[in-house]
Amino acid sequence: MNDRPEDGPSQPSHPPYPVGPQPEPDDRPARRGPVEPLGDLTRWVVICSVLLTATTLAAVVAAFFSVDRLQEARADELVLTPYDVVGVLRLPFQALALVVTSVWLFRARQNVVSLRPEATQTRSPAWVVLGWLIPVVSLWFPFQVVRDVRRDATAPRHHRASARGGHSSW
């Protein structure tokens, strides 16, 4: 048994790169489910938002053309104005935007819970959709759902004020 260098290099007792402290497998929270990609849904949310904005602007313009027609109508006459037509055409876009945005937000919430099981969500998953539909509740619960998803999905460098601004603009 000779420990001379001519015998060849000895195997190092540590890895060739620095390794930080690793948590024990029991200390790490386990994922709760798969992570769903949001790319296609995000595109649909943007498309629905553009369509809804366009029909809203069309309703504003149509309202100006409807005033004269309403003023000329008799009290017992049923009048169909351009504003009414745009309103009827706008309804499917509103429904589509609600469905697509709700699915997107639900999946984003699921992803956050899957990636960070230790994160706390203020509302249950049902409120992701119901929060938009129930009067008075719709003033606060959607904000809480979006705030929780954003808080748990992003680094702490983001400011809370921008989440409030986004909800206010909606």
C-alpha atoms as a PDB file:
ATOM      1  CA  MET A   1       0.000   0.000   0.000  1.00  0.00           C
ATOM      2  CA  ASN A   2       1.843   2.927  -1.304  1.00  0.00           C
ATOM      3  CA  ASP A   3       0.333   6.477  -1.252  1.00  0.00           C
ATOM      4  CA  ARG A   4       2.654   7.879  -3.842  1.00  0.00           C
ATOM      5  CA  PRO A   5       1.300  10.157  -6.652  1.00  0.00           C
ATOM      6  CA  GLU A   6       2.525   7.673  -9.242  1.00  0.00           C
ATOM      7  CA  ASP A   7      -0.292   5.323  -8.243  1.00  0.00           C
ATOM      8  CA  GLY A   8      -2.813   7.586 -10.020  1.00  0.00           C
ATOM      9  CA  PRO A   9      -5.262  10.227  -8.883  1.00  0.00           C
ATOM     10  CA  SER A  10      -7.398   9.335  -5.942  1.00  0.00           C
ATOM     11  CA  GLN A  11     -11.165   9.766  -6.092  1.00  0.00           C
ATOM     12  CA  PRO A  12     -12.296  12.954  -4.346  1.00  0.00           C
ATOM     13  CA  SER A  13     -14.597  12.446  -1.415  1.00  0.00           C
ATOM     14  CA  HIS A  14     -16.806  15.387  -2.490  1.00  0.00           C
ATOM     15  CA  PRO A  15     -18.451  16.364  -5.792  1.00  0.00           C
ATOM     16  CA  PRO A  16     -16.445  18.549  -8.190  1.00  0.00           C
ATOM     17  CA  TYR A  17     -18.938  21.427  -7.844  1.00  0.00           C
ATOM     18  CA  PRO A  18     -20.181  23.215  -4.750  1.00  0.00           C
ATOM     19  CA  VAL A  19     -23.425  21.863  -3.394  1.00  0.00           C
ATOM     20  CA  GLY A  20     -25.538  23.908  -1.029  1.00  0.00           C
ATOM     21  CA  PRO A  21     -27.537  22.423   1.782  1.00  0.00           C
ATOM     22  CA  GLN A  22     -30.251  20.174   0.417  1.00  0.00           C
ATOM     23  CA  PRO A  23     -33.543  19.887   2.271  1.00  0.00           C
ATOM     24  CA  GLU A  24     -34.584  16.478   3.363  1.00  0.00           C
ATOM     25  CA  PRO A  25     -37.179  14.907   1.062  1.00  0.00           C
ATOM     26  CA  ASP A  26     -39.775  15.050   3.858  1.00  0.00           C
ATOM     27  CA  ASP A  27     -39.174  18.801   4.359  1.00  0.00           C
ATOM     28  CA  ARG A  28     -40.071  19.773   0.797  1.00  0.00           C
ATOM     29  CA  PRO A  29     -43.757  20.268   0.061  1.00  0.00           C
ATOM     30  CA  ALA A  30     -44.950  17.839  -2.578  1.00  0.00           C
ATOM     31  CA  ARG A  31     -46.623  19.096  -5.728  1.00  0.00           C
ATOM     32  CA  ARG A  32     -50.355  18.767  -5.655  1.00  0.00           C
ATOM     33  CA  GLY A  33     -50.870  18.243  -9.366  1.00  0.00           C
ATOM     34  CA  PRO A  34     -49.589  18.899 -12.854  1.00  0.00           C
ATOM     35  CA  VAL A  35     -48.775  22.373 -14.116  1.00  0.00           C
ATOM     36  CA  GLU A  36     -50.981  23.410 -17.034  1.00  0.00           C
ATOM     37  CA  PRO A  37     -49.497  25.660 -19.732  1.00  0.00           C
ATOM     38  CA  LEU A  38     -51.409  28.926 -20.120  1.00  0.00           C
ATOM     39  CA  GLY A  39     -50.070  30.134 -23.486  1.00  0.00           C
ATOM     40  CA  ASP A  40     -53.075  29.339 -25.710  1.00  0.00           C
ATOM     41  CA  LEU A  41     -55.575  30.389 -23.072  1.00  0.00           C
ATOM     42  CA  THR A  42     -53.698  33.644 -22.587  1.00  0.00           C
ATOM     43  CA  ARG A  43     -54.021  34.370 -26.311  1.00  0.00           C
ATOM     44  CA  TRP A  44     -57.766  33.688 -26.119  1.00  0.00           C
ATOM     45  CA  VAL A  45     -58.129  35.981 -23.117  1.00  0.00           C
ATOM     46  CA  VAL A  46     -56.439  38.767 -25.087  1.00  0.00           C
ATOM     47  CA  ILE A  47     -58.591  38.102 -28.166  1.00  0.00           C
ATOM     48  CA  CYS A  48     -61.770  38.155 -26.063  1.00  0.00           C
ATOM     49  CA  SER A  49     -60.657  41.366 -24.376  1.00  0.00           C
ATOM     50  CA  VAL A  50     -60.024  43.037 -27.728  1.00  0.00           C
ATOM     51  CA  LEU A  51     -63.420  41.921 -29.078  1.00  0.00           C
ATOM     52  CA  LEU A  52     -65.178  43.105 -25.935  1.00  0.00           C
ATOM     53  CA  THR A  53     -63.389  46.459 -26.069  1.00  0.00           C
ATOM     54  CA  ALA A  54     -64.246  46.880 -29.756  1.00  0.00           C
ATOM     55  CA  THR A  55     -67.933  46.154 -29.179  1.00  0.00           C
ATOM     56  CA  THR A  56     -67.959  48.527 -26.202  1.00  0.00           C
ATOM     57  CA  LEU A  57     -66.525  51.306 -28.356  1.00  0.00           C
ATOM     58  CA  ALA A  58     -69.093  50.454 -31.050  1.00  0.00           C
ATOM     59  CA  ALA A  59     -71.835  50.772 -28.420  1.00  0.00           C
ATOM     60  CA  VAL A  60     -70.583  54.231 -27.456  1.00  0.00           C
ATOM     61  CA  VAL A  61     -70.642  55.360 -31.083  1.00  0.00           C
ATOM     62  CA  ALA A  62     -74.047  53.730 -31.681  1.00  0.00           C
ATOM     63  CA  ALA A  63     -75.469  55.551 -28.665  1.00  0.00           C
ATOM     64  CA  PHE A  64     -74.908  58.908 -30.392  1.00  0.00           C
ATOM     65  CA  PHE A  65     -76.820  57.710 -33.472  1.00  0.00           C
ATOM     66  CA  SER A  66     -79.656  56.337 -31.335  1.00  0.00           C
ATOM     67  CA  VAL A  67     -80.551  59.550 -29.498  1.00  0.00           C
ATOM     68  CA  ASP A  68     -82.435  61.171 -32.398  1.00  0.00           C
ATOM     69  CA  ARG A  69     -84.375  58.023 -33.143  1.00  0.00           C
ATOM     70  CA  LEU A  70     -85.467  57.678 -29.518  1.00  0.00           C
ATOM     71  CA  GLN A  71     -86.542  61.330 -29.342  1.00  0.00           C
ATOM     72  CA  GLU A  72     -88.648  60.998 -32.511  1.00  0.00           C
ATOM     73  CA  ALA A  73     -90.394  57.801 -31.361  1.00  0.00           C
ATOM     74  CA  ARG A  74     -93.896  57.813 -29.878  1.00  0.00           C
ATOM     75  CA  ALA A  75     -94.372  56.618 -26.316  1.00  0.00           C
ATOM     76  CA  ASP A  76     -96.247  53.474 -27.403  1.00  0.00           C
ATOM     77  CA  GLU A  77     -93.819  52.615 -30.214  1.00  0.00           C
ATOM     78  CA  LEU A  78     -91.153  49.926 -29.908  1.00  0.00           C
ATOM     79  CA  VAL A  79     -87.911  51.323 -31.305  1.00  0.00           C
ATOM     80  CA  LEU A  80     -84.876  49.288 -32.283  1.00  0.00           C
ATOM     81  CA  THR A  81     -81.797  51.494 -32.336  1.00  0.00           C
ATOM     82  CA  PRO A  82     -78.207  50.847 -33.424  1.00  0.00           C
ATOM     83  CA  TYR A  83     -77.306  50.816 -29.727  1.00  0.00           C
ATOM     84  CA  ASP A  84     -79.717  47.915 -29.160  1.00  0.00           C
ATOM     85  CA  VAL A  85     -78.251  45.963 -32.077  1.00  0.00           C
ATOM     86  CA  VAL A  86     -74.686  46.434 -30.801  1.00  0.00           C
ATOM     87  CA  GLY A  87     -75.842  45.429 -27.309  1.00  0.00           C
ATOM     88  CA  VAL A  88     -77.276  42.176 -28.617  1.00  0.00           C
ATOM     89  CA  LEU A  89     -74.113  41.489 -30.632  1.00  0.00           C
ATOM     90  CA  ARG A  90     -71.966  42.261 -27.571  1.00  0.00           C
ATOM     91  CA  LEU A  91     -73.616  39.641 -25.345  1.00  0.00           C
ATOM     92  CA  PRO A  92     -71.855  36.569 -26.826  1.00  0.00           C
ATOM     93  CA  PHE A  93     -68.487  38.314 -26.499  1.00  0.00           C
ATOM     94  CA  GLN A  94     -69.202  39.039 -22.840  1.00  0.00           C
ATOM     95  CA  ALA A  95     -70.137  35.418 -22.194  1.00  0.00           C
ATOM     96  CA  LEU A  96     -67.084  34.140 -24.070  1.00  0.00           C
ATOM     97  CA  ALA A  97     -64.785  36.529 -22.200  1.00  0.00           C
ATOM     98  CA  LEU A  98     -66.237  35.386 -18.853  1.00  0.00           C
ATOM     99  CA  VAL A  99     -65.749  31.701 -19.657  1.00  0.00           C
ATOM    100  CA  VAL A 100     -62.250  32.010 -21.147  1.00  0.00           C
ATOM    101  CA  THR A 101     -60.989  34.365 -18.440  1.00  0.00           C
ATOM    102  CA  SER A 102     -62.444  32.198 -15.673  1.00  0.00           C
ATOM    103  CA  VAL A 103     -60.811  29.054 -17.083  1.00  0.00           C
ATOM    104  CA  TRP A 104     -57.502  30.916 -17.439  1.00  0.00           C
ATOM    105  CA  LEU A 105     -57.634  32.231 -13.871  1.00  0.00           C
ATOM    106  CA  PHE A 106     -58.667  28.819 -12.515  1.00  0.00           C
ATOM    107  CA  ARG A 107     -55.695  27.148 -14.253  1.00  0.00           C
ATOM    108  CA  ALA A 108     -53.323  29.877 -13.104  1.00  0.00           C
ATOM    109  CA  ARG A 109     -54.531  29.303  -9.529  1.00  0.00           C
ATOM    110  CA  GLN A 110     -54.067  25.532  -9.915  1.00  0.00           C
ATOM    111  CA  ASN A 111     -50.536  26.090 -11.197  1.00  0.00           C
ATOM    112  CA  VAL A 112     -49.667  28.256  -8.215  1.00  0.00           C
ATOM    113  CA  VAL A 113     -51.042  25.666  -5.802  1.00  0.00           C
ATOM    114  CA  SER A 114     -49.137  22.906  -7.637  1.00  0.00           C
ATOM    115  CA  LEU A 115     -45.849  24.780  -7.660  1.00  0.00           C
ATOM    116  CA  ARG A 116     -46.108  26.272  -4.177  1.00  0.00           C
ATOM    117  CA  PRO A 117     -48.314  24.075  -1.970  1.00  0.00           C
ATOM    118  CA  GLU A 118     -47.252  26.074   1.080  1.00  0.00           C
ATOM    119  CA  ALA A 119     -48.836  29.226  -0.391  1.00  0.00           C
ATOM    120  CA  THR A 120     -52.178  30.227   1.047  1.00  0.00           C
ATOM    121  CA  GLN A 121     -55.146  31.257  -1.043  1.00  0.00           C
ATOM    122  CA  THR A 122     -57.794  33.463   0.557  1.00  0.00           C
ATOM    123  CA  ARG A 123     -60.699  31.954  -1.388  1.00  0.00           C
ATOM    124  CA  SER A 124     -61.567  28.407  -2.440  1.00  0.00           C
ATOM    125  CA  PRO A 125     -61.335  27.421  -6.129  1.00  0.00           C
ATOM    126  CA  ALA A 126     -65.103  27.826  -6.593  1.00  0.00           C
ATOM    127  CA  TRP A 127     -64.807  31.578  -6.024  1.00  0.00           C
ATOM    128  CA  VAL A 128     -62.574  31.921  -9.086  1.00  0.00           C
ATOM    129  CA  VAL A 129     -65.772  31.803 -11.179  1.00  0.00           C
ATOM    130  CA  LEU A 130     -68.523  32.592  -8.678  1.00  0.00           C
ATOM    131  CA  GLY A 131     -66.752  35.742  -7.537  1.00  0.00           C
ATOM    132  CA  TRP A 132     -67.450  37.389 -10.909  1.00  0.00           C
ATOM    133  CA  LEU A 133     -71.140  36.405 -10.981  1.00  0.00           C
ATOM    134  CA  ILE A 134     -72.529  37.221  -7.541  1.00  0.00           C
ATOM    135  CA  PRO A 135     -73.475  40.875  -6.998  1.00  0.00           C
ATOM    136  CA  VAL A 136     -71.593  42.756  -4.248  1.00  0.00           C
ATOM    137  CA  VAL A 137     -69.225  39.762  -3.888  1.00  0.00           C
ATOM    138  CA  SER A 138     -67.955  40.620  -7.387  1.00  0.00           C
ATOM    139  CA  LEU A 139     -66.585  43.883  -6.023  1.00  0.00           C
ATOM    140  CA  TRP A 140     -64.024  42.167  -3.776  1.00  0.00           C
ATOM    141  CA  PHE A 141     -63.568  38.398  -4.281  1.00  0.00           C
ATOM    142  CA  PRO A 142     -62.097  38.519  -7.830  1.00  0.00           C
ATOM    143  CA  PHE A 143     -59.516  41.016  -6.578  1.00  0.00           C
ATOM    144  CA  GLN A 144     -58.536  38.623  -3.776  1.00  0.00           C
ATOM    145  CA  VAL A 145     -58.216  35.656  -6.151  1.00  0.00           C
ATOM    146  CA  VAL A 146     -56.055  37.596  -8.621  1.00  0.00           C
ATOM    147  CA  ARG A 147     -53.993  39.118  -5.784  1.00  0.00           C
ATOM    148  CA  ASP A 148     -53.278  35.695  -4.270  1.00  0.00           C
ATOM    149  CA  VAL A 149     -52.325  34.140  -7.618  1.00  0.00           C
ATOM    150  CA  ARG A 150     -50.080  37.068  -8.468  1.00  0.00           C
ATOM    151  CA  ARG A 151     -48.485  37.186  -5.014  1.00  0.00           C
ATOM    152  CA  ASP A 152     -47.700  33.481  -4.973  1.00  0.00           C
ATOM    153  CA  ALA A 153     -46.597  33.280  -8.617  1.00  0.00           C
ATOM    154  CA  THR A 154     -44.215  36.230  -8.735  1.00  0.00           C
ATOM    155  CA  ALA A 155     -41.137  37.380  -6.909  1.00  0.00           C
ATOM    156  CA  PRO A 156     -41.674  39.815  -4.034  1.00  0.00           C
ATOM    157  CA  ARG A 157     -40.209  42.710  -6.036  1.00  0.00           C
ATOM    158  CA  HIS A 158     -43.618  43.514  -7.555  1.00  0.00           C
ATOM    159  CA  HIS A 159     -45.743  46.164  -5.946  1.00  0.00           C
ATOM    160  CA  ARG A 160     -49.257  45.551  -4.694  1.00  0.00           C
ATOM    161  CA  ALA A 161     -50.547  48.799  -6.208  1.00  0.00           C
ATOM    162  CA  SER A 162     -50.374  47.469  -9.772  1.00  0.00           C
ATOM    163  CA  ALA A 163     -52.693  44.562  -8.898  1.00  0.00           C
ATOM    164  CA  ARG A 164     -55.187  47.049  -7.492  1.00  0.00           C
ATOM    165  CA  GLY A 165     -54.938  49.147 -10.630  1.00  0.00           C
ATOM    166  CA  GLY A 166     -55.620  46.154 -12.875  1.00  0.00           C
ATOM    167  CA  HIS A 167     -58.688  45.170 -10.904  1.00  0.00           C
ATOM    168  CA  SER A 168     -59.954  48.764 -10.846  1.00  0.00           C
ATOM    169  CA  SER A 169     -59.586  49.102 -14.605  1.00  0.00           C
ATOM    170  CA  TRP A 170     -61.620  45.940 -15.152  1.00  0.00           C
END
